[in-house]
């Protein structure tokens, strides 16, 4: 009787692949006392980079507008290299899109908040995200042929 190898999961590396902030209407925008409208977009992606190794990305875009003017635009691509071995093939996507995304999101949230504060604005702390429900919603969207970016209000 042969023994099956036990599933293993480990974090190899966490890193910021892309971080940008734009304040196109500075310095005049700092005189605007109107509360900006904030829009948050979130997406995840994963690709196999070697046998048992996956690169997972959580992309967060935060855009604040006041009327027709952009107050700021922040884009963060928070990534991680994960070792995922001996999982059934059908479980790899949920592990990367839910489990790995849950690990990466707090780092992305911190990068967004820090970038906004460094640009001279009150930091925005993004609410926790239920990646399991987002994954299920994305599967439904794919069945219907829609896009995969999720807008969070």
N, C-alpha and C. Protein backbone atom coordinates (compact mmCIF):
# COMPACT_ATOMS: atom_id res chain seq x y z
N UNK A 1 0.84 -1.18 0.00
CA UNK A 1 0.00 0.00 0.00
C UNK A 1 0.89 1.24 0.00
N UNK A 2 0.71 2.08 -1.00
CA UNK A 2 1.54 3.28 -1.06
C UNK A 2 0.88 4.41 -0.29
N UNK A 3 1.70 5.16 0.39
CA UNK A 3 1.17 6.29 1.14
C UNK A 3 1.18 7.53 0.27
N UNK A 4 0.08 8.26 0.30
CA UNK A 4 0.02 9.52 -0.44
C UNK A 4 0.75 10.60 0.34
N UNK A 5 1.42 11.46 -0.40
CA UNK A 5 2.10 12.59 0.24
C UNK A 5 1.05 13.53 0.82
N UNK A 6 1.35 14.08 1.97
CA UNK A 6 0.44 15.00 2.63
C UNK A 6 0.45 16.35 1.91
N UNK A 7 -0.70 17.00 1.81
CA UNK A 7 -0.72 18.35 1.23
C UNK A 7 0.16 19.29 2.06
N UNK A 8 0.88 20.16 1.37
CA UNK A 8 1.70 21.15 2.08
C UNK A 8 1.49 22.52 1.46
N UNK A 9 1.55 23.52 2.33
CA UNK A 9 1.33 24.91 1.92
C UNK A 9 2.30 25.77 2.70
N UNK A 10 3.02 26.64 2.02
CA UNK A 10 3.91 27.56 2.73
C UNK A 10 4.06 28.85 1.93
N UNK A 11 4.36 29.91 2.65
CA UNK A 11 4.62 31.21 2.05
C UNK A 11 6.12 31.29 1.79
N UNK A 12 6.48 31.49 0.54
CA UNK A 12 7.90 31.61 0.19
C UNK A 12 8.35 33.07 0.20
N UNK A 13 7.50 33.97 -0.31
CA UNK A 13 7.89 35.37 -0.40
C UNK A 13 6.64 36.23 -0.55
N UNK A 14 6.60 37.36 0.16
CA UNK A 14 5.55 38.37 0.01
C UNK A 14 6.23 39.63 -0.51
N UNK A 15 5.63 40.26 -1.53
CA UNK A 15 6.27 41.45 -2.09
C UNK A 15 5.24 42.34 -2.78
N UNK A 16 5.60 43.62 -2.90
CA UNK A 16 4.78 44.58 -3.65
C UNK A 16 5.36 44.64 -5.06
N UNK A 17 4.55 44.24 -6.03
CA UNK A 17 5.00 44.26 -7.42
C UNK A 17 4.81 45.64 -8.05
N UNK A 18 3.73 46.32 -7.65
CA UNK A 18 3.44 47.64 -8.21
C UNK A 18 2.76 48.48 -7.15
N UNK A 19 3.19 49.72 -7.03
CA UNK A 19 2.57 50.66 -6.11
C UNK A 19 2.67 52.04 -6.74
N UNK A 20 1.52 52.65 -6.97
CA UNK A 20 1.55 54.00 -7.53
C UNK A 20 0.44 54.83 -6.92
N UNK A 21 0.72 56.12 -6.79
CA UNK A 21 -0.29 57.07 -6.34
C UNK A 21 -0.18 58.31 -7.20
N UNK A 22 -1.32 58.81 -7.60
CA UNK A 22 -1.38 60.04 -8.39
C UNK A 22 -2.29 61.03 -7.68
N UNK A 23 -1.85 62.27 -7.63
CA UNK A 23 -2.66 63.37 -7.10
C UNK A 23 -2.63 64.44 -8.19
N UNK A 24 -3.42 64.24 -9.26
CA UNK A 24 -3.30 65.10 -10.44
C UNK A 24 -3.70 66.55 -10.23
N UNK A 25 -4.51 66.84 -9.22
CA UNK A 25 -4.99 68.21 -9.01
C UNK A 25 -4.37 68.89 -7.80
N UNK A 26 -3.21 68.36 -7.35
CA UNK A 26 -2.51 69.01 -6.24
C UNK A 26 -1.84 70.27 -6.76
N UNK A 27 -1.69 71.30 -5.99
CA UNK A 27 -2.06 71.45 -4.59
C UNK A 27 -3.48 71.99 -4.38
N UNK A 28 -4.15 72.40 -5.47
CA UNK A 28 -5.47 73.01 -5.31
C UNK A 28 -6.48 72.07 -4.64
N UNK A 29 -6.33 70.77 -4.86
CA UNK A 29 -7.30 69.82 -4.32
C UNK A 29 -7.30 69.82 -2.79
N UNK A 30 -6.19 70.24 -2.17
CA UNK A 30 -6.12 70.26 -0.71
C UNK A 30 -6.99 71.37 -0.11
N UNK A 31 -7.40 72.32 -0.93
CA UNK A 31 -8.29 73.40 -0.46
C UNK A 31 -9.76 73.01 -0.57
N UNK A 32 -10.04 71.91 -1.26
CA UNK A 32 -11.41 71.44 -1.44
C UNK A 32 -11.90 70.81 -0.14
N UNK A 33 -12.98 71.31 0.40
CA UNK A 33 -13.51 70.81 1.68
C UNK A 33 -14.61 69.76 1.49
N UNK A 34 -14.94 69.50 0.25
CA UNK A 34 -15.98 68.52 -0.04
C UNK A 34 -15.46 67.10 0.24
N UNK A 35 -16.30 66.26 0.82
CA UNK A 35 -15.92 64.87 1.08
C UNK A 35 -15.90 64.12 -0.26
N UNK A 36 -14.76 63.51 -0.59
CA UNK A 36 -14.67 62.84 -1.88
C UNK A 36 -15.46 61.52 -1.91
N UNK A 37 -15.85 61.15 -3.11
CA UNK A 37 -16.47 59.85 -3.36
C UNK A 37 -15.33 58.86 -3.59
N UNK A 38 -15.32 57.75 -2.85
CA UNK A 38 -14.24 56.78 -2.95
C UNK A 38 -14.76 55.50 -3.61
N UNK A 39 -14.04 55.04 -4.62
CA UNK A 39 -14.38 53.82 -5.33
C UNK A 39 -13.21 52.84 -5.19
N UNK A 40 -13.49 51.60 -4.80
CA UNK A 40 -12.46 50.59 -4.61
C UNK A 40 -12.73 49.44 -5.57
N UNK A 41 -11.71 49.04 -6.31
CA UNK A 41 -11.80 47.87 -7.18
C UNK A 41 -10.76 46.86 -6.72
N UNK A 42 -11.14 45.60 -6.76
CA UNK A 42 -10.29 44.53 -6.26
C UNK A 42 -10.32 43.37 -7.24
N UNK A 43 -9.16 42.80 -7.51
CA UNK A 43 -9.11 41.60 -8.34
C UNK A 43 -7.96 40.73 -7.85
N UNK A 44 -8.05 39.45 -8.16
CA UNK A 44 -7.00 38.51 -7.80
C UNK A 44 -6.58 37.74 -9.04
N UNK A 45 -5.38 37.24 -8.99
CA UNK A 45 -4.88 36.41 -10.08
C UNK A 45 -3.80 35.48 -9.56
N UNK A 46 -3.60 34.38 -10.26
CA UNK A 46 -2.57 33.43 -9.86
C UNK A 46 -2.03 32.73 -11.09
N UNK A 47 -0.74 32.42 -11.04
CA UNK A 47 -0.16 31.61 -12.09
C UNK A 47 0.91 30.70 -11.51
N UNK A 48 1.04 29.55 -12.14
CA UNK A 48 2.04 28.57 -11.72
C UNK A 48 3.38 29.03 -12.27
N UNK A 49 4.39 29.14 -11.39
CA UNK A 49 5.70 29.61 -11.84
C UNK A 49 6.74 28.50 -11.87
N UNK A 50 6.44 27.40 -11.20
CA UNK A 50 7.32 26.23 -11.19
C UNK A 50 6.51 25.09 -10.59
N UNK A 51 7.04 23.91 -10.62
CA UNK A 51 6.30 22.77 -10.06
C UNK A 51 6.06 22.99 -8.56
N UNK A 52 4.78 23.14 -8.20
CA UNK A 52 4.41 23.34 -6.80
C UNK A 52 4.52 24.77 -6.31
N UNK A 53 4.87 25.71 -7.18
CA UNK A 53 5.02 27.11 -6.79
C UNK A 53 4.06 27.98 -7.60
N UNK A 54 3.36 28.86 -6.88
CA UNK A 54 2.37 29.74 -7.51
C UNK A 54 2.62 31.18 -7.08
N UNK A 55 2.50 32.08 -8.04
CA UNK A 55 2.56 33.51 -7.76
C UNK A 55 1.12 34.01 -7.74
N UNK A 56 0.72 34.60 -6.63
CA UNK A 56 -0.65 35.08 -6.46
C UNK A 56 -0.60 36.60 -6.29
N UNK A 57 -1.53 37.29 -6.94
CA UNK A 57 -1.57 38.75 -6.89
C UNK A 57 -2.95 39.23 -6.44
N UNK A 58 -2.96 40.18 -5.52
CA UNK A 58 -4.18 40.91 -5.16
C UNK A 58 -3.97 42.33 -5.65
N UNK A 59 -4.80 42.75 -6.60
CA UNK A 59 -4.74 44.11 -7.15
C UNK A 59 -5.83 44.95 -6.50
N UNK A 60 -5.44 46.11 -5.98
CA UNK A 60 -6.39 47.03 -5.37
C UNK A 60 -6.21 48.40 -6.03
N UNK A 61 -7.31 48.96 -6.49
CA UNK A 61 -7.31 50.31 -7.05
C UNK A 61 -8.30 51.15 -6.25
N UNK A 62 -7.84 52.26 -5.71
CA UNK A 62 -8.70 53.17 -4.95
C UNK A 62 -8.67 54.52 -5.66
N UNK A 63 -9.85 54.98 -6.07
CA UNK A 63 -9.95 56.28 -6.74
C UNK A 63 -10.92 57.15 -5.96
N UNK A 64 -10.46 58.33 -5.58
CA UNK A 64 -11.31 59.31 -4.89
C UNK A 64 -11.56 60.47 -5.84
N UNK A 65 -12.83 60.85 -5.94
CA UNK A 65 -13.20 61.97 -6.81
C UNK A 65 -14.03 62.97 -6.03
N UNK A 66 -13.92 64.22 -6.44
CA UNK A 66 -14.72 65.30 -5.89
C UNK A 66 -15.32 66.02 -7.08
N UNK A 67 -16.60 65.79 -7.30
CA UNK A 67 -17.22 66.31 -8.51
C UNK A 67 -16.60 65.61 -9.71
N UNK A 68 -16.09 66.40 -10.64
CA UNK A 68 -15.44 65.84 -11.83
C UNK A 68 -13.93 65.66 -11.64
N UNK A 69 -13.40 66.15 -10.50
CA UNK A 69 -11.95 66.13 -10.28
C UNK A 69 -11.51 64.86 -9.56
N UNK A 70 -10.38 64.32 -10.00
CA UNK A 70 -9.77 63.20 -9.30
C UNK A 70 -8.98 63.75 -8.12
N UNK A 71 -9.31 63.27 -6.92
CA UNK A 71 -8.58 63.68 -5.71
C UNK A 71 -7.27 62.89 -5.65
N UNK A 72 -7.38 61.57 -5.72
CA UNK A 72 -6.20 60.72 -5.80
C UNK A 72 -6.57 59.38 -6.43
N UNK A 73 -5.55 58.71 -6.92
CA UNK A 73 -5.69 57.38 -7.49
C UNK A 73 -4.54 56.54 -6.97
N UNK A 74 -4.85 55.43 -6.30
CA UNK A 74 -3.83 54.53 -5.76
C UNK A 74 -4.02 53.16 -6.40
N UNK A 75 -2.91 52.58 -6.86
CA UNK A 75 -2.94 51.22 -7.40
C UNK A 75 -1.86 50.41 -6.70
N UNK A 76 -2.25 49.25 -6.19
CA UNK A 76 -1.33 48.35 -5.50
C UNK A 76 -1.49 46.95 -6.07
N UNK A 77 -0.36 46.32 -6.39
CA UNK A 77 -0.35 44.91 -6.75
C UNK A 77 0.49 44.21 -5.68
N UNK A 78 -0.18 43.59 -4.73
CA UNK A 78 0.49 42.87 -3.64
C UNK A 78 0.57 41.41 -4.06
N UNK A 79 1.79 40.87 -4.02
CA UNK A 79 2.00 39.51 -4.52
C UNK A 79 2.62 38.62 -3.47
N UNK A 80 2.54 37.34 -3.74
CA UNK A 80 3.18 36.35 -2.91
C UNK A 80 3.52 35.12 -3.72
N UNK A 81 4.65 34.52 -3.38
CA UNK A 81 5.01 33.23 -3.97
C UNK A 81 4.69 32.19 -2.90
N UNK A 82 3.87 31.22 -3.28
CA UNK A 82 3.40 30.20 -2.35
C UNK A 82 3.79 28.83 -2.87
N UNK A 83 4.24 27.98 -1.95
CA UNK A 83 4.48 26.59 -2.29
C UNK A 83 3.21 25.82 -1.94
N UNK A 84 2.61 25.22 -2.95
CA UNK A 84 1.36 24.47 -2.77
C UNK A 84 1.59 23.11 -3.42
N UNK A 85 1.72 22.10 -2.59
CA UNK A 85 2.04 20.75 -3.10
C UNK A 85 1.03 19.72 -2.60
N UNK A 86 0.83 18.73 -3.45
CA UNK A 86 0.02 17.56 -3.12
C UNK A 86 -1.44 17.89 -2.81
N UNK A 87 -1.95 18.92 -3.46
CA UNK A 87 -3.37 19.24 -3.39
C UNK A 87 -4.02 18.70 -4.65
N UNK A 88 -5.27 18.26 -4.58
CA UNK A 88 -5.96 17.89 -5.82
C UNK A 88 -6.00 19.09 -6.76
N UNK A 89 -5.86 18.84 -8.05
CA UNK A 89 -5.82 19.93 -9.04
C UNK A 89 -7.03 20.85 -8.91
N UNK A 90 -8.19 20.29 -8.61
CA UNK A 90 -9.42 21.09 -8.50
C UNK A 90 -9.38 22.04 -7.31
N UNK A 91 -8.51 21.79 -6.34
CA UNK A 91 -8.43 22.64 -5.14
C UNK A 91 -7.42 23.78 -5.28
N UNK A 92 -6.58 23.74 -6.31
CA UNK A 92 -5.53 24.76 -6.44
C UNK A 92 -6.13 26.15 -6.61
N UNK A 93 -7.11 26.29 -7.50
CA UNK A 93 -7.69 27.62 -7.73
C UNK A 93 -8.33 28.19 -6.46
N UNK A 94 -9.17 27.43 -5.74
CA UNK A 94 -9.71 27.99 -4.50
C UNK A 94 -8.63 28.32 -3.46
N UNK A 95 -7.58 27.51 -3.38
CA UNK A 95 -6.51 27.79 -2.42
C UNK A 95 -5.84 29.12 -2.77
N UNK A 96 -5.56 29.34 -4.07
CA UNK A 96 -4.88 30.59 -4.45
C UNK A 96 -5.82 31.79 -4.37
N UNK A 97 -7.05 31.63 -4.85
CA UNK A 97 -7.97 32.76 -4.93
C UNK A 97 -8.63 33.11 -3.60
N UNK A 98 -8.68 32.17 -2.68
CA UNK A 98 -9.30 32.44 -1.38
C UNK A 98 -8.23 32.47 -0.29
N UNK A 99 -7.54 31.35 -0.09
CA UNK A 99 -6.56 31.25 0.99
C UNK A 99 -5.40 32.22 0.85
N UNK A 100 -4.76 32.21 -0.32
CA UNK A 100 -3.61 33.11 -0.54
C UNK A 100 -4.05 34.57 -0.56
N UNK A 101 -5.20 34.84 -1.17
CA UNK A 101 -5.71 36.22 -1.20
C UNK A 101 -5.97 36.75 0.21
N UNK A 102 -6.47 35.89 1.09
CA UNK A 102 -6.69 36.29 2.48
C UNK A 102 -5.38 36.64 3.18
N UNK A 103 -4.31 35.97 2.81
CA UNK A 103 -3.00 36.27 3.39
C UNK A 103 -2.47 37.60 2.85
N UNK A 104 -2.65 37.85 1.55
CA UNK A 104 -2.09 39.04 0.91
C UNK A 104 -2.85 40.32 1.20
N UNK A 105 -4.18 40.23 1.38
CA UNK A 105 -4.99 41.43 1.48
C UNK A 105 -4.57 42.39 2.60
N UNK A 106 -4.25 41.93 3.81
CA UNK A 106 -3.84 42.90 4.84
C UNK A 106 -2.60 43.71 4.44
N UNK A 107 -1.70 43.11 3.68
CA UNK A 107 -0.51 43.83 3.20
C UNK A 107 -0.91 44.87 2.16
N UNK A 108 -1.82 44.51 1.27
CA UNK A 108 -2.31 45.46 0.26
C UNK A 108 -3.05 46.61 0.93
N UNK A 109 -3.87 46.28 1.93
CA UNK A 109 -4.63 47.31 2.66
C UNK A 109 -3.67 48.29 3.32
N UNK A 110 -2.61 47.79 3.93
CA UNK A 110 -1.62 48.65 4.58
C UNK A 110 -0.90 49.54 3.56
N UNK A 111 -0.55 48.97 2.40
CA UNK A 111 0.13 49.75 1.37
C UNK A 111 -0.77 50.87 0.85
N UNK A 112 -2.05 50.59 0.66
CA UNK A 112 -3.01 51.61 0.21
C UNK A 112 -3.12 52.72 1.24
N UNK A 113 -3.33 52.36 2.49
CA UNK A 113 -3.50 53.35 3.56
C UNK A 113 -2.25 54.22 3.70
N UNK A 114 -1.08 53.59 3.66
CA UNK A 114 0.17 54.32 3.81
C UNK A 114 0.39 55.28 2.64
N UNK A 115 0.11 54.83 1.42
CA UNK A 115 0.30 55.69 0.24
C UNK A 115 -0.61 56.91 0.30
N UNK A 116 -1.86 56.70 0.70
CA UNK A 116 -2.81 57.82 0.79
C UNK A 116 -2.36 58.82 1.85
N UNK A 117 -1.91 58.32 3.00
CA UNK A 117 -1.43 59.21 4.07
C UNK A 117 -0.19 59.98 3.62
N UNK A 118 0.72 59.32 2.91
CA UNK A 118 1.94 59.99 2.45
C UNK A 118 1.65 61.04 1.39
N UNK A 119 0.50 60.91 0.72
CA UNK A 119 0.10 61.90 -0.28
C UNK A 119 -0.57 63.11 0.36
N UNK A 120 -0.77 63.06 1.69
CA UNK A 120 -1.32 64.21 2.40
C UNK A 120 -2.80 64.13 2.71
N UNK A 121 -3.39 62.95 2.55
CA UNK A 121 -4.82 62.77 2.81
C UNK A 121 -5.02 61.90 4.05
N UNK A 122 -6.25 61.93 4.56
CA UNK A 122 -6.60 61.03 5.66
C UNK A 122 -6.52 59.60 5.13
N UNK A 123 -5.84 58.70 5.86
CA UNK A 123 -5.74 57.33 5.37
C UNK A 123 -7.12 56.68 5.27
N UNK A 124 -7.23 55.77 4.34
CA UNK A 124 -8.45 54.98 4.18
C UNK A 124 -8.11 53.56 4.58
N UNK A 125 -8.85 53.02 5.52
CA UNK A 125 -8.65 51.64 5.93
C UNK A 125 -9.72 50.80 5.24
N UNK A 126 -9.29 49.98 4.30
CA UNK A 126 -10.23 49.16 3.56
C UNK A 126 -10.85 48.10 4.48
N UNK A 127 -12.12 47.86 4.30
CA UNK A 127 -12.84 46.86 5.09
C UNK A 127 -12.33 45.47 4.73
N UNK A 128 -12.41 44.53 5.67
CA UNK A 128 -12.05 43.14 5.34
C UNK A 128 -12.88 42.64 4.16
N UNK A 129 -12.31 41.71 3.43
CA UNK A 129 -12.95 41.18 2.23
C UNK A 129 -13.21 39.69 2.41
N UNK A 130 -14.39 39.24 2.02
CA UNK A 130 -14.73 37.82 2.03
C UNK A 130 -14.35 37.26 0.66
N UNK A 131 -13.12 36.74 0.55
CA UNK A 131 -12.64 36.25 -0.74
C UNK A 131 -13.38 35.00 -1.19
N UNK A 132 -13.94 34.26 -0.26
CA UNK A 132 -14.71 33.08 -0.66
C UNK A 132 -15.95 33.49 -1.43
N UNK A 133 -16.68 34.50 -0.92
CA UNK A 133 -17.88 34.93 -1.64
C UNK A 133 -17.50 35.63 -2.95
N UNK A 134 -16.38 36.35 -2.99
CA UNK A 134 -15.93 36.97 -4.24
C UNK A 134 -15.57 35.91 -5.27
N UNK A 135 -14.94 34.83 -4.81
CA UNK A 135 -14.58 33.73 -5.70
C UNK A 135 -15.83 33.10 -6.29
N UNK A 136 -16.83 32.85 -5.44
CA UNK A 136 -18.09 32.27 -5.92
C UNK A 136 -18.78 33.22 -6.91
N UNK A 137 -18.77 34.52 -6.61
CA UNK A 137 -19.39 35.51 -7.51
C UNK A 137 -18.65 35.55 -8.84
N UNK A 138 -17.33 35.43 -8.80
CA UNK A 138 -16.55 35.44 -10.04
C UNK A 138 -16.86 34.21 -10.88
N UNK A 139 -17.02 33.06 -10.23
CA UNK A 139 -17.39 31.85 -10.97
C UNK A 139 -18.73 32.04 -11.67
N UNK A 140 -19.68 32.67 -10.97
CA UNK A 140 -20.99 32.94 -11.57
C UNK A 140 -20.87 33.91 -12.74
N UNK A 141 -20.04 34.95 -12.58
CA UNK A 141 -19.84 35.92 -13.66
C UNK A 141 -19.22 35.25 -14.87
N UNK A 142 -18.26 34.34 -14.63
CA UNK A 142 -17.61 33.65 -15.74
C UNK A 142 -18.60 32.77 -16.48
N UNK A 143 -19.51 32.15 -15.76
CA UNK A 143 -20.55 31.33 -16.40
C UNK A 143 -21.42 32.19 -17.31
N UNK A 144 -21.61 33.46 -16.91
CA UNK A 144 -22.46 34.37 -17.67
C UNK A 144 -21.66 35.22 -18.65
N UNK A 145 -20.32 35.04 -18.68
CA UNK A 145 -19.49 35.76 -19.64
C UNK A 145 -19.13 37.17 -19.25
N UNK A 146 -19.26 37.54 -17.97
CA UNK A 146 -18.94 38.90 -17.51
C UNK A 146 -17.48 38.98 -17.08
N UNK A 147 -17.01 40.19 -16.74
CA UNK A 147 -15.64 40.43 -16.29
C UNK A 147 -15.39 39.90 -14.89
N UNK A 148 -14.12 40.02 -14.44
CA UNK A 148 -13.77 39.45 -13.14
C UNK A 148 -13.39 40.49 -12.09
N UNK A 149 -13.37 41.78 -12.41
CA UNK A 149 -13.07 42.79 -11.41
C UNK A 149 -14.30 43.02 -10.54
N UNK A 150 -14.07 43.19 -9.27
CA UNK A 150 -15.16 43.40 -8.33
C UNK A 150 -15.05 44.81 -7.78
N UNK A 151 -16.15 45.53 -7.77
CA UNK A 151 -16.18 46.88 -7.21
C UNK A 151 -16.73 46.79 -5.80
N UNK A 152 -16.01 47.36 -4.85
CA UNK A 152 -16.43 47.34 -3.44
C UNK A 152 -16.83 48.75 -3.07
N UNK A 153 -17.99 48.90 -2.49
CA UNK A 153 -18.43 50.24 -2.08
C UNK A 153 -18.23 50.41 -0.60
